[in-house]
C-alpha atoms as a PDB file:
ATOM      1  CA  MET A   1      73.664  86.535  23.019  1.00  0.00           C
ATOM      2  CA  SER A   2      76.587  85.231  21.875  1.00  0.00           C
ATOM      3  CA  ASN A   3      77.992  81.787  21.152  1.00  0.00           C
ATOM      4  CA  ALA A   4      80.041  81.857  24.272  1.00  0.00           C
ATOM      5  CA  GLU A   5      77.182  82.888  26.739  1.00  0.00           C
ATOM      6  CA  ASN A   6      75.232  79.885  25.187  1.00  0.00           C
ATOM      7  CA  ASP A   7      78.217  77.235  25.066  1.00  0.00           C
ATOM      8  CA  SER A   8      77.022  74.385  27.925  1.00  0.00           C
ATOM      9  CA  LYS A   9      80.322  74.075  28.646  1.00  0.00           C
ATOM     10  CA  VAL A  10      80.423  77.883  30.112  1.00  0.00           C
ATOM     11  CA  LYS A  11      82.529  77.594  33.507  1.00  0.00           C
ATOM     12  CA  THR A  12      83.382  80.559  36.318  1.00  0.00           C
ATOM     13  CA  ILE A  13      86.732  81.408  38.452  1.00  0.00           C
ATOM     14  CA  PHE A  14      84.073  80.364  41.342  1.00  0.00           C
ATOM     15  CA  GLY A  15      83.927  76.222  39.872  1.00  0.00           C
ATOM     16  CA  LYS A  16      80.735  76.602  39.037  1.00  0.00           C
ATOM     17  CA  GLU A  17      79.360  74.716  36.078  1.00  0.00           C
ATOM     18  CA  LYS A  18      76.275  74.639  33.588  1.00  0.00           C
ATOM     19  CA  ASN A  19      77.455  71.192  33.362  1.00  0.00           C
ATOM     20  CA  PRO A  20      77.438  69.986  37.319  1.00  0.00           C
ATOM     21  CA  SER A  21      77.575  66.457  35.995  1.00  0.00           C
ATOM     22  CA  SER A  22      81.619  67.025  34.832  1.00  0.00           C
ATOM     23  CA  ILE A  23      82.425  67.537  38.777  1.00  0.00           C
ATOM     24  CA  GLU A  24      83.295  64.813  40.852  1.00  0.00           C
ATOM     25  CA  PRO A  25      81.355  63.728  43.500  1.00  0.00           C
ATOM     26  CA  LYS A  26      84.191  63.278  46.093  1.00  0.00           C
ATOM     27  CA  LYS A  27      85.797  65.446  48.534  1.00  0.00           C
ATOM     28  CA  LEU A  28      89.422  66.184  48.047  1.00  0.00           C
ATOM     29  CA  THR A  29      92.433  67.279  50.109  1.00  0.00           C
ATOM     30  CA  LEU A  30      96.067  68.977  49.646  1.00  0.00           C
ATOM     31  CA  ASP A  31      97.284  65.615  49.706  1.00  0.00           C
ATOM     32  CA  SER A  32      94.961  63.725  47.806  1.00  0.00           C
ATOM     33  CA  PRO A  33      96.623  62.341  44.945  1.00  0.00           C
ATOM     34  CA  LEU A  34      95.698  63.394  41.061  1.00  0.00           C
ATOM     35  CA  LYS A  35      96.814  62.350  38.055  1.00  0.00           C
ATOM     36  CA  PHE A  36      96.606  64.659  34.956  1.00  0.00           C
ATOM     37  CA  ARG A  37      99.057  66.480  32.708  1.00  0.00           C
ATOM     38  CA  CYS A  38      98.322  68.568  30.326  1.00  0.00           C
ATOM     39  CA  HIS A  39     101.232  69.847  27.213  1.00  0.00           C
ATOM     40  CA  PRO A  40     101.107  70.129  23.697  1.00  0.00           C
ATOM     41  CA  GLY A  41     101.020  66.103  22.735  1.00  0.00           C
ATOM     42  CA  VAL A  42      98.140  65.499  24.802  1.00  0.00           C
ATOM     43  CA  ARG A  43      94.972  65.192  21.833  1.00  0.00           C
ATOM     44  CA  CYS A  44      93.259  67.593  23.215  1.00  0.00           C
ATOM     45  CA  PHE A  45      95.815  70.494  24.065  1.00  0.00           C
ATOM     46  CA  THR A  46      93.992  73.813  24.014  1.00  0.00           C
ATOM     47  CA  ALA A  47      90.429  72.220  23.518  1.00  0.00           C
ATOM     48  CA  CYS A  48      89.261  73.567  27.117  1.00  0.00           C
ATOM     49  CA  CYS A  49      90.414  77.101  25.829  1.00  0.00           C
ATOM     50  CA  GLY A  50      87.306  77.792  23.673  1.00  0.00           C
ATOM     51  CA  GLY A  51      83.649  78.229  25.083  1.00  0.00           C
ATOM     52  CA  ILE A  52      84.105  79.263  28.358  1.00  0.00           C
ATOM     53  CA  LYS A  53      83.720  82.177  30.812  1.00  0.00           C
ATOM     54  CA  ILE A  54      87.025  83.049  32.014  1.00  0.00           C
ATOM     55  CA  VAL A  55      85.923  86.103  35.099  1.00  0.00           C
ATOM     56  CA  LEU A  56      88.960  87.993  35.657  1.00  0.00           C
ATOM     57  CA  THR A  57      90.111  88.988  38.882  1.00  0.00           C
ATOM     58  CA  PRO A  58      91.966  92.111  39.423  1.00  0.00           C
ATOM     59  CA  TYR A  59      95.489  90.402  40.038  1.00  0.00           C
ATOM     60  CA  ASP A  60      94.648  89.017  36.471  1.00  0.00           C
ATOM     61  CA  ILE A  61      94.082  92.384  34.717  1.00  0.00           C
ATOM     62  CA  LEU A  62      97.124  93.912  36.688  1.00  0.00           C
ATOM     63  CA  ARG A  63      98.805  90.878  35.437  1.00  0.00           C
ATOM     64  CA  LEU A  64      98.236  90.902  31.905  1.00  0.00           C
ATOM     65  CA  THR A  65      98.177  94.477  31.001  1.00  0.00           C
ATOM     66  CA  LYS A  66     101.450  94.513  32.620  1.00  0.00           C
ATOM     67  CA  ARG A  67     102.138  91.760  29.817  1.00  0.00           C
ATOM     68  CA  LEU A  68     100.689  93.002  27.027  1.00  0.00           C
ATOM     69  CA  ASP A  69     102.126  96.760  28.046  1.00  0.00           C
ATOM     70  CA  ILE A  70      98.748  98.549  27.642  1.00  0.00           C
ATOM     71  CA  PRO A  71      96.412 100.408  29.726  1.00  0.00           C
ATOM     72  CA  ALA A  72      93.701  99.109  31.845  1.00  0.00           C
ATOM     73  CA  HIS A  73      91.330 100.924  29.933  1.00  0.00           C
ATOM     74  CA  GLU A  74      92.573  99.644  26.432  1.00  0.00           C
ATOM     75  CA  PHE A  75      92.965  96.111  27.511  1.00  0.00           C
ATOM     76  CA  LEU A  76      89.136  96.250  28.550  1.00  0.00           C
ATOM     77  CA  HIS A  77      87.745  97.678  25.423  1.00  0.00           C
ATOM     78  CA  VAL A  78      89.998  94.737  23.400  1.00  0.00           C
ATOM     79  CA  TYR A  79      90.271  91.747  25.752  1.00  0.00           C
ATOM     80  CA  THR A  80      87.204  91.974  27.766  1.00  0.00           C
ATOM     81  CA  GLN A  81      83.300  92.524  27.734  1.00  0.00           C
ATOM     82  CA  PRO A  82      80.946  92.840  31.103  1.00  0.00           C
ATOM     83  CA  THR A  83      79.592  90.683  33.187  1.00  0.00           C
ATOM     84  CA  TYR A  84      78.278  90.092  36.618  1.00  0.00           C
ATOM     85  CA  LEU A  85      79.736  88.700  39.244  1.00  0.00           C
ATOM     86  CA  GLU A  86      78.653  85.387  41.362  1.00  0.00           C
ATOM     87  CA  LYS A  87      74.860  86.067  40.619  1.00  0.00           C
ATOM     88  CA  THR A  88      74.914  89.616  42.217  1.00  0.00           C
ATOM     89  CA  ASP A  89      74.891  92.911  40.955  1.00  0.00           C
ATOM     90  CA  MET A  90      78.638  93.516  41.154  1.00  0.00           C
ATOM     91  CA  PRO A  91      80.061  94.717  37.856  1.00  0.00           C
ATOM     92  CA  GLY A  92      83.225  92.213  36.725  1.00  0.00           C
ATOM     93  CA  VAL A  93      84.717  91.416  32.859  1.00  0.00           C
ATOM     94  CA  MET A  94      85.391  88.556  31.351  1.00  0.00           C
ATOM     95  CA  ILE A  95      87.482  87.570  28.437  1.00  0.00           C
ATOM     96  CA  LYS A  96      85.716  88.106  25.041  1.00  0.00           C
ATOM     97  CA  LEU A  97      86.169  85.518  23.251  1.00  0.00           C
ATOM     98  CA  ARG A  98      87.434  85.650  19.124  1.00  0.00           C
ATOM     99  CA  GLU A  99      84.147  85.782  17.012  1.00  0.00           C
ATOM    100  CA  GLU A 100      85.881  83.464  14.661  1.00  0.00           C
ATOM    101  CA  ASP A 101      86.238  80.487  16.687  1.00  0.00           C
ATOM    102  CA  ASN A 102      85.009  81.387  20.425  1.00  0.00           C
ATOM    103  CA  LYS A 103      88.247  81.000  21.684  1.00  0.00           C
ATOM    104  CA  CYS A 104      90.550  82.581  23.971  1.00  0.00           C
ATOM    105  CA  PRO A 105      91.770  85.795  21.992  1.00  0.00           C
ATOM    106  CA  PHE A 106      95.659  84.352  23.454  1.00  0.00           C
ATOM    107  CA  VAL A 107      95.352  80.922  22.488  1.00  0.00           C
ATOM    108  CA  THR A 108      97.184  79.746  19.652  1.00  0.00           C
ATOM    109  CA  PRO A 109      97.552  75.843  18.265  1.00  0.00           C
ATOM    110  CA  GLU A 110     100.832  75.987  19.559  1.00  0.00           C
ATOM    111  CA  GLY A 111      99.221  77.010  23.577  1.00  0.00           C
ATOM    112  CA  CYS A 112      98.636  80.252  25.587  1.00  0.00           C
ATOM    113  CA  THR A 113     100.895  82.835  24.599  1.00  0.00           C
ATOM    114  CA  VAL A 114     100.364  84.972  27.883  1.00  0.00           C
ATOM    115  CA  TYR A 115     100.768  81.658  29.685  1.00  0.00           C
ATOM    116  CA  THR A 116     102.912  83.001  32.697  1.00  0.00           C
ATOM    117  CA  ASP A 117     100.492  85.208  33.175  1.00  0.00           C
ATOM    118  CA  ARG A 118      97.419  83.472  32.526  1.00  0.00           C
ATOM    119  CA  PRO A 119      94.550  84.096  34.413  1.00  0.00           C
ATOM    120  CA  THR A 120      93.387  82.393  37.508  1.00  0.00           C
ATOM    121  CA  ALA A 121      90.655  80.379  36.458  1.00  0.00           C
ATOM    122  CA  CYS A 122      92.650  78.904  33.519  1.00  0.00           C
ATOM    123  CA  ARG A 123      95.572  77.629  36.696  1.00  0.00           C
ATOM    124  CA  TYR A 124      92.522  75.985  38.647  1.00  0.00           C
ATOM    125  CA  TYR A 125      91.810  73.940  35.766  1.00  0.00           C
ATOM    126  CA  PRO A 126      90.836  70.783  36.397  1.00  0.00           C
ATOM    127  CA  VAL A 127      91.272  71.434  39.920  1.00  0.00           C
ATOM    128  CA  GLY A 128      88.204  72.961  41.948  1.00  0.00           C
ATOM    129  CA  MET A 129      88.674  74.439  45.182  1.00  0.00           C
ATOM    130  CA  ALA A 130      85.072  75.025  47.323  1.00  0.00           C
ATOM    131  CA  ASP A 131      85.484  77.842  50.345  1.00  0.00           C
ATOM    132  CA  PHE A 132      82.216  78.297  52.788  1.00  0.00           C
ATOM    133  CA  HIS A 133      84.320  81.184  54.679  1.00  0.00           C
ATOM    134  CA  GLU A 134      84.761  83.350  51.736  1.00  0.00           C
ATOM    135  CA  GLY A 135      81.946  85.792  52.612  1.00  0.00           C
ATOM    136  CA  GLY A 136      83.234  86.131  56.462  1.00  0.00           C
ATOM    137  CA  SER A 137      81.360  85.932  59.353  1.00  0.00           C
ATOM    138  CA  ARG A 138      80.625  87.932  62.199  1.00  0.00           C
ATOM    139  CA  ASP A 139      80.204  88.315  66.166  1.00  0.00           C
ATOM    140  CA  ALA A 140      77.045  89.629  67.718  1.00  0.00           C
ATOM    141  CA  ASP A 141      78.613  92.625  67.889  1.00  0.00           C
ATOM    142  CA  GLY A 142      79.310  93.007  64.089  1.00  0.00           C
ATOM    143  CA  LYS A 143      83.180  91.868  64.643  1.00  0.00           C
ATOM    144  CA  GLU A 144      84.540  89.844  61.532  1.00  0.00           C
ATOM    145  CA  VAL A 145      85.417  86.398  63.202  1.00  0.00           C
ATOM    146  CA  GLN A 146      88.284  84.948  61.927  1.00  0.00           C
ATOM    147  CA  SER A 147      87.572  81.655  61.864  1.00  0.00           C
ATOM    148  CA  ALA A 148      89.544  78.716  60.008  1.00  0.00           C
ATOM    149  CA  GLU A 149      88.259  78.121  56.716  1.00  0.00           C
ATOM    150  CA  GLU A 150      86.803  75.059  55.549  1.00  0.00           C
ATOM    151  CA  LYS A 151      88.279  73.991  52.191  1.00  0.00           C
ATOM    152  CA  PHE A 152      87.727  71.275  50.169  1.00  0.00           C
ATOM    153  CA  PHE A 153      89.052  70.554  46.443  1.00  0.00           C
ATOM    154  CA  PHE A 154      87.411  68.483  43.422  1.00  0.00           C
ATOM    155  CA  THR A 155      88.232  67.710  40.037  1.00  0.00           C
ATOM    156  CA  VAL A 156      86.216  68.548  36.879  1.00  0.00           C
ATOM    157  CA  ARG A 157      86.732  65.782  34.498  1.00  0.00           C
ATOM    158  CA  GLU A 158      85.050  66.618  31.033  1.00  0.00           C
ATOM    159  CA  GLU A 159      84.747  63.802  28.061  1.00  0.00           C
ATOM    160  CA  HIS A 160      86.843  66.460  25.732  1.00  0.00           C
ATOM    161  CA  CYS A 161      89.646  66.504  28.685  1.00  0.00           C
ATOM    162  CA  LYS A 162      92.418  63.444  28.183  1.00  0.00           C
ATOM    163  CA  GLY A 163      95.078  64.928  30.333  1.00  0.00           C
ATOM    164  CA  PHE A 164      93.223  62.920  33.380  1.00  0.00           C
ATOM    165  CA  GLU A 165      94.846  59.534  30.756  1.00  0.00           C
ATOM    166  CA  GLU A 166      98.301  60.689  31.983  1.00  0.00           C
ATOM    167  CA  ASP A 167     100.857  59.120  33.567  1.00  0.00           C
ATOM    168  CA  LYS A 168     102.005  62.099  35.540  1.00  0.00           C
ATOM    169  CA  GLU A 169     100.606  61.308  39.708  1.00  0.00           C
ATOM    170  CA  TRP A 170     101.466  64.635  42.195  1.00  0.00           C
ATOM    171  CA  THR A 171      99.076  65.654  45.062  1.00  0.00           C
ATOM    172  CA  ILE A 172      96.534  68.290  44.578  1.00  0.00           C
ATOM    173  CA  ARG A 173      98.943  70.454  46.696  1.00  0.00           C
ATOM    174  CA  GLU A 174     101.748  69.887  44.313  1.00  0.00           C
ATOM    175  CA  TRP A 175      99.387  70.486  41.252  1.00  0.00           C
ATOM    176  CA  ARG A 176      98.434  74.049  43.069  1.00  0.00           C
ATOM    177  CA  ALA A 177     102.095  75.239  43.609  1.00  0.00           C
ATOM    178  CA  ASP A 178     103.049  74.138  40.102  1.00  0.00           C
ATOM    179  CA  GLN A 179     100.518  76.175  38.471  1.00  0.00           C
ATOM    180  CA  GLY A 180     100.924  79.198  40.646  1.00  0.00           C
ATOM    181  CA  VAL A 181      97.525  79.163  42.356  1.00  0.00           C
ATOM    182  CA  ASP A 182      98.507  79.767  46.095  1.00  0.00           C
ATOM    183  CA  VAL A 183      99.628  83.512  45.002  1.00  0.00           C
ATOM    184  CA  ARG A 184      97.004  84.333  43.048  1.00  0.00           C
ATOM    185  CA  ASP A 185      94.449  82.797  45.968  1.00  0.00           C
ATOM    186  CA  GLU A 186      96.057  85.315  48.533  1.00  0.00           C
ATOM    187  CA  MET A 187      96.388  87.853  45.940  1.00  0.00           C
ATOM    188  CA  ASN A 188      92.482  87.397  45.064  1.00  0.00           C
ATOM    189  CA  LYS A 189      91.321  86.791  48.645  1.00  0.00           C
ATOM    190  CA  GLU A 190      89.777  89.860  49.732  1.00  0.00           C
ATOM    191  CA  TRP A 191      88.369  90.921  46.891  1.00  0.00           C
ATOM    192  CA  LEU A 192      86.849  87.918  46.527  1.00  0.00           C
ATOM    193  CA  ARG A 193      85.219  87.904  50.225  1.00  0.00           C
ATOM    194  CA  LEU A 194      83.898  91.563  48.629  1.00  0.00           C
ATOM    195  CA  VAL A 195      81.811  89.239  46.172  1.00  0.00           C
ATOM    196  CA  MET A 196      80.856  86.564  48.458  1.00  0.00           C
ATOM    197  CA  ARG A 197      80.051  88.681  50.948  1.00  0.00           C
ATOM    198  CA  ARG A 198      77.611  90.831  48.574  1.00  0.00           C
ATOM    199  CA  LYS A 199      76.342  86.962  47.336  1.00  0.00           C
ATOM    200  CA  SER A 200      74.961  86.295  50.945  1.00  0.00           C
ATOM    201  CA  TYR A 201      72.685  89.433  51.122  1.00  0.00           C
ATOM    202  CA  GLY A 202      70.789  88.483  48.115  1.00  0.00           C
ATOM    203  CA  LEU A 203      68.583  90.194  45.635  1.00  0.00           C
ATOM    204  CA  GLN A 204      67.014  92.329  48.492  1.00  0.00           C
ATOM    205  CA  ALA A 205      69.317  94.517  48.809  1.00  0.00           C
ATOM    206  CA  THR A 206      70.824  96.171  45.916  1.00  0.00           C
ATOM    207  CA  LEU A 207      74.246  98.689  45.364  1.00  0.00           C
ATOM    208  CA  SER A 208      73.563 102.402  44.652  1.00  0.00           C
ATOM    209  CA  GLU A 209      75.111 103.500  40.396  1.00  0.00           C
ATOM    210  CA  PRO A 210      77.485 105.065  42.367  1.00  0.00           C
ATOM    211  CA  ALA A 211      78.774 101.846  44.305  1.00  0.00           C
ATOM    212  CA  LYS A 212      78.861  99.846  41.401  1.00  0.00           C
ATOM    213  CA  ARG A 213      80.726 102.662  39.183  1.00  0.00           C
ATOM    214  CA  MET A 214      83.713 102.633  42.588  1.00  0.00           C
ATOM    215  CA  PHE A 215      83.809  99.106  42.954  1.00  0.00           C
ATOM    216  CA  PHE A 216      84.255  98.391  39.048  1.00  0.00           C
ATOM    217  CA  MET A 217      87.046 101.455  38.622  1.00  0.00           C
ATOM    218  CA  ALA A 218      88.835  99.668  41.889  1.00  0.00           C
ATOM    219  CA  SER A 219      88.996  96.685  40.537  1.00  0.00           C
ATOM    220  CA  THR A 220      89.737  97.109  37.114  1.00  0.00           C
ATOM    221  CA  ASP A 221      91.405 100.063  36.291  1.00  0.00           C
ATOM    222  CA  LEU A 222      94.453 100.694  39.188  1.00  0.00           C
ATOM    223  CA  ALA A 223      95.707 104.024  37.171  1.00  0.00           C
ATOM    224  CA  THR A 224      92.131 105.417  37.599  1.00  0.00           C
ATOM    225  CA  PHE A 225      91.998 104.519  41.441  1.00  0.00           C
ATOM    226  CA  ARG A 226      95.165 105.589  41.875  1.00  0.00           C
ATOM    227  CA  LYS A 227      94.106 109.494  40.291  1.00  0.00           C
ATOM    228  CA  PHE A 228      91.158 109.310  42.819  1.00  0.00           C
ATOM    229  CA  ILE A 229      93.426 108.784  45.686  1.00  0.00           C
ATOM    230  CA  PHE A 230      95.480 111.416  45.052  1.00  0.00           C
ATOM    231  CA  GLU A 231      93.788 113.840  43.017  1.00  0.00           C
ATOM    232  CA  SER A 232      90.761 114.376  45.144  1.00  0.00           C
ATOM    233  CA  SER A 233      90.191 114.972  48.781  1.00  0.00           C
ATOM    234  CA  PHE A 234      90.789 111.335  49.743  1.00  0.00           C
ATOM    235  CA  LEU A 235      93.720 112.080  51.423  1.00  0.00           C
ATOM    236  CA  GLU A 236      91.586 115.068  52.913  1.00  0.00           C
ATOM    237  CA  THR A 237      89.364 112.730  54.336  1.00  0.00           C
ATOM    238  CA  TYR A 238      91.108 109.515  55.569  1.00  0.00           C
ATOM    239  CA  GLU A 239      93.811 108.729  57.794  1.00  0.00           C
ATOM    240  CA  LEU A 240      96.519 107.059  56.183  1.00  0.00           C
ATOM    241  CA  ASP A 241     100.431 106.902  57.563  1.00  0.00           C
ATOM    242  CA  GLN A 242     102.925 108.317  55.466  1.00  0.00           C
ATOM    243  CA  GLU A 243     104.601 104.621  54.427  1.00  0.00           C
ATOM    244  CA  THR A 244     101.115 103.494  53.541  1.00  0.00           C
ATOM    245  CA  ILE A 245     100.722 106.569  51.046  1.00  0.00           C
ATOM    246  CA  ASP A 246     104.086 106.321  49.718  1.00  0.00           C
ATOM    247  CA  LYS A 247     103.575 102.206  48.611  1.00  0.00           C
ATOM    248  CA  ILE A 248     100.481 102.796  46.950  1.00  0.00           C
ATOM    249  CA  ARG A 249     102.146 105.631  45.031  1.00  0.00           C
ATOM    250  CA  GLU A 250     104.546 103.261  43.546  1.00  0.00           C
ATOM    251  CA  ASP A 251     103.392  99.717  43.813  1.00  0.00           C
ATOM    252  CA  ASP A 252     100.793  98.616  41.965  1.00  0.00           C
ATOM    253  CA  VAL A 253     100.129  95.898  43.938  1.00  0.00           C
ATOM    254  CA  GLU A 254      99.784  97.770  47.165  1.00  0.00           C
ATOM    255  CA  LEU A 255      97.471  99.740  45.387  1.00  0.00           C
ATOM    256  CA  MET A 256      95.171  96.713  44.832  1.00  0.00           C
ATOM    257  CA  LEU A 257      95.341  95.203  48.142  1.00  0.00           C
ATOM    258  CA  PHE A 258      94.404  99.360  49.249  1.00  0.00           C
ATOM    259  CA  SER A 259      91.686  99.128  46.894  1.00  0.00           C
ATOM    260  CA  PHE A 260      90.213  96.292  48.673  1.00  0.00           C
ATOM    261  CA  LYS A 261      89.983  97.035  52.577  1.00  0.00           C
ATOM    262  CA  TYR A 262      88.570 100.636  50.742  1.00  0.00           C
ATOM    263  CA  LEU A 263      85.880  99.067  48.960  1.00  0.00           C
ATOM    264  CA  ALA A 264      85.026  97.085  52.188  1.00  0.00           C
ATOM    265  CA  ALA A 265      84.908  99.944  54.215  1.00  0.00           C
ATOM    266  CA  THR A 266      82.597 101.923  51.738  1.00  0.00           C
ATOM    267  CA  LEU A 267      80.595  99.386  50.614  1.00  0.00           C
ATOM    268  CA  PHE A 268      79.756  97.128  53.876  1.00  0.00           C
ATOM    269  CA  GLY A 269      81.004  99.605  56.871  1.00  0.00           C
ATOM    270  CA  ALA A 270      84.285  97.265  57.625  1.00  0.00           C
ATOM    271  CA  GLN A 271      86.837  99.071  60.064  1.00  0.00           C
ATOM    272  CA  ALA A 272      89.525  99.407  57.242  1.00  0.00           C
ATOM    273  CA  LEU A 273      90.182 102.863  57.172  1.00  0.00           C
ATOM    274  CA  LYS A 274      89.386 105.820  59.645  1.00  0.00           C
ATOM    275  CA  ILE A 275      87.912 108.821  58.567  1.00  0.00           C
ATOM    276  CA  LYS A 276      89.895 112.107  59.730  1.00  0.00           C
ATOM    277  CA  GLU A 277      88.126 113.631  63.018  1.00  0.00           C
ATOM    278  CA  ASP A 278      87.887 117.083  61.885  1.00  0.00           C
ATOM    279  CA  LYS A 279      85.971 115.602  59.055  1.00  0.00           C
ATOM    280  CA  ILE A 280      83.740 113.274  61.095  1.00  0.00           C
ATOM    281  CA  LYS A 281      82.628 116.951  63.142  1.00  0.00           C
ATOM    282  CA  ALA A 282      82.095 118.611  60.341  1.00  0.00           C
ATOM    283  CA  LYS A 283      79.617 116.211  59.360  1.00  0.00           C
ATOM    284  CA  VAL A 284      78.015 115.590  62.352  1.00  0.00           C
ATOM    285  CA  ALA A 285      77.671 120.141  62.553  1.00  0.00           C
ATOM    286  CA  GLN A 286      76.074 119.602  58.737  1.00  0.00           C
ATOM    287  CA  ILE A 287      73.535 117.038  59.649  1.00  0.00           C
ATOM    288  CA  LYS A 288      72.937 119.010  63.085  1.00  0.00           C
ATOM    289  CA  GLU A 289      72.527 122.098  61.118  1.00  0.00           C
ATOM    290  CA  ARG A 290      70.123 119.960  58.444  1.00  0.00           C
ATOM    291  CA  GLN A 291      67.864 118.969  61.491  1.00  0.00           C
ATOM    292  CA  ASP A 292      67.896 122.278  63.273  1.00  0.00           C
ATOM    293  CA  GLU A 293      67.145 123.838  60.103  1.00  0.00           C
ATOM    294  CA  ALA A 294      64.239 121.303  59.708  1.00  0.00           C
ATOM    295  CA  VAL A 295      62.903 121.472  63.430  1.00  0.00           C
ATOM    296  CA  GLN A 296      62.896 125.692  62.462  1.00  0.00           C
ATOM    297  CA  GLN A 297      60.986 124.721  59.294  1.00  0.00           C
ATOM    298  CA  SER A 298      58.285 122.416  61.272  1.00  0.00           C
ATOM    299  CA  VAL A 299      57.902 125.011  64.019  1.00  0.00           C
ATOM    300  CA  LYS A 300      57.294 127.445  61.444  1.00  0.00           C
ATOM    301  CA  GLU A 301      55.056 125.229  59.723  1.00  0.00           C
ATOM    302  CA  TYR A 302      52.814 124.352  62.794  1.00  0.00           C
ATOM    303  CA  GLU A 303      52.776 128.320  63.749  1.00  0.00           C
ATOM    304  CA  GLU A 304      51.349 129.044  60.352  1.00  0.00           C
ATOM    305  CA  LEU A 305      49.340 126.230  60.502  1.00  0.00           C
ATOM    306  CA  LYS A 306      47.757 127.415  63.939  1.00  0.00           C
ATOM    307  CA  ALA A 307      46.998 130.679  63.144  1.00  0.00           C
ATOM    308  CA  GLU A 308      45.772 129.755  59.710  1.00  0.00           C
ATOM    309  CA  THR A 309      43.248 127.919  61.850  1.00  0.00           C
ATOM    310  CA  ALA A 310      42.410 130.473  64.204  1.00  0.00           C
ATOM    311  CA  LYS A 311      41.660 132.943  61.478  1.00  0.00           C
ATOM    312  CA  GLN A 312      39.341 130.772  60.211  1.00  0.00           C
ATOM    313  CA  LYS A 313      37.317 130.372  63.832  1.00  0.00           C
ATOM    314  CA  ALA A 314      37.475 133.804  63.817  1.00  0.00           C
ATOM    315  CA  ALA A 315      35.549 134.144  60.484  1.00  0.00           C
ATOM    316  CA  THR A 316      33.261 131.453  61.153  1.00  0.00           C
ATOM    317  CA  GLY A 317      32.461 133.341  64.228  1.00  0.00           C
ATOM    318  CA  ILE A 318      31.805 136.211  62.866  1.00  0.00           C
ATOM    319  CA  LYS A 319      28.951 134.689  60.061  1.00  0.00           C
ATOM    320  CA  LYS A 320      28.023 133.420  62.955  1.00  0.00           C
ATOM    321  CA  GLN A 321      26.965 136.742  64.552  1.00  0.00           C
END
């Protein structure tokens, strides 16, 4: 196990920590005040960029691959390592820290080299958010209920961080806007719902290996997911309007958002995509054919058993005579 995995300050994008005492026990709202500033003049500058676990969302990967101008598979190989999301069996990736100093590969003494495209986890610090409805809820008929999301915020105050000693004051709302968190939250929302919904099922349910592979591919490699859509029988199976087809063919963000719908439909049965009627009829016919074959086989086995029983009775009768 690496030093990064052992470090006591390991954090995840979802606001959990191995050291929860650094979370201030106070619920904050968007209008709560925050006194904090991070800049190169702060003594601890870039200290928070080491010994951390930065889980990447699909949008993080999309932004970073575009920033570095490399394909997703190369980015995953060079800059990430596998992990599981939120203590589930859903596979994901996290930033692979440098071996020599256990720091993010994109950080230098002068700061972050990909700052404007930095991951969501980096943008949150030191303000975390709790959302009790990320997993979604359903009514008695199984339909998803779009209830108001109960959110609150909190600050993470670690001993090494001197940003709280700065004189810059703003509200949580202003801080989030400045860090670009609101945009990231919107982009990540449906993907996070998938993860939290999976988490709500607990360990008694497991994803199949094909389901895990599909989730990983759709979450990390949009180019391969696009090939899956346009170079397989996908469009022959699902009903998609031409506008959607055109968007996901050219626009990576639209493709990413579409992938969340596809995963919700295939993993959790959400009514996000509709299978073509002829495909449904063919599947029903296939099932009926298998059932008919099973019935015929059962009848055959029954007749054979009955004949064998009669034969045995006849043989027994001959012996008695």
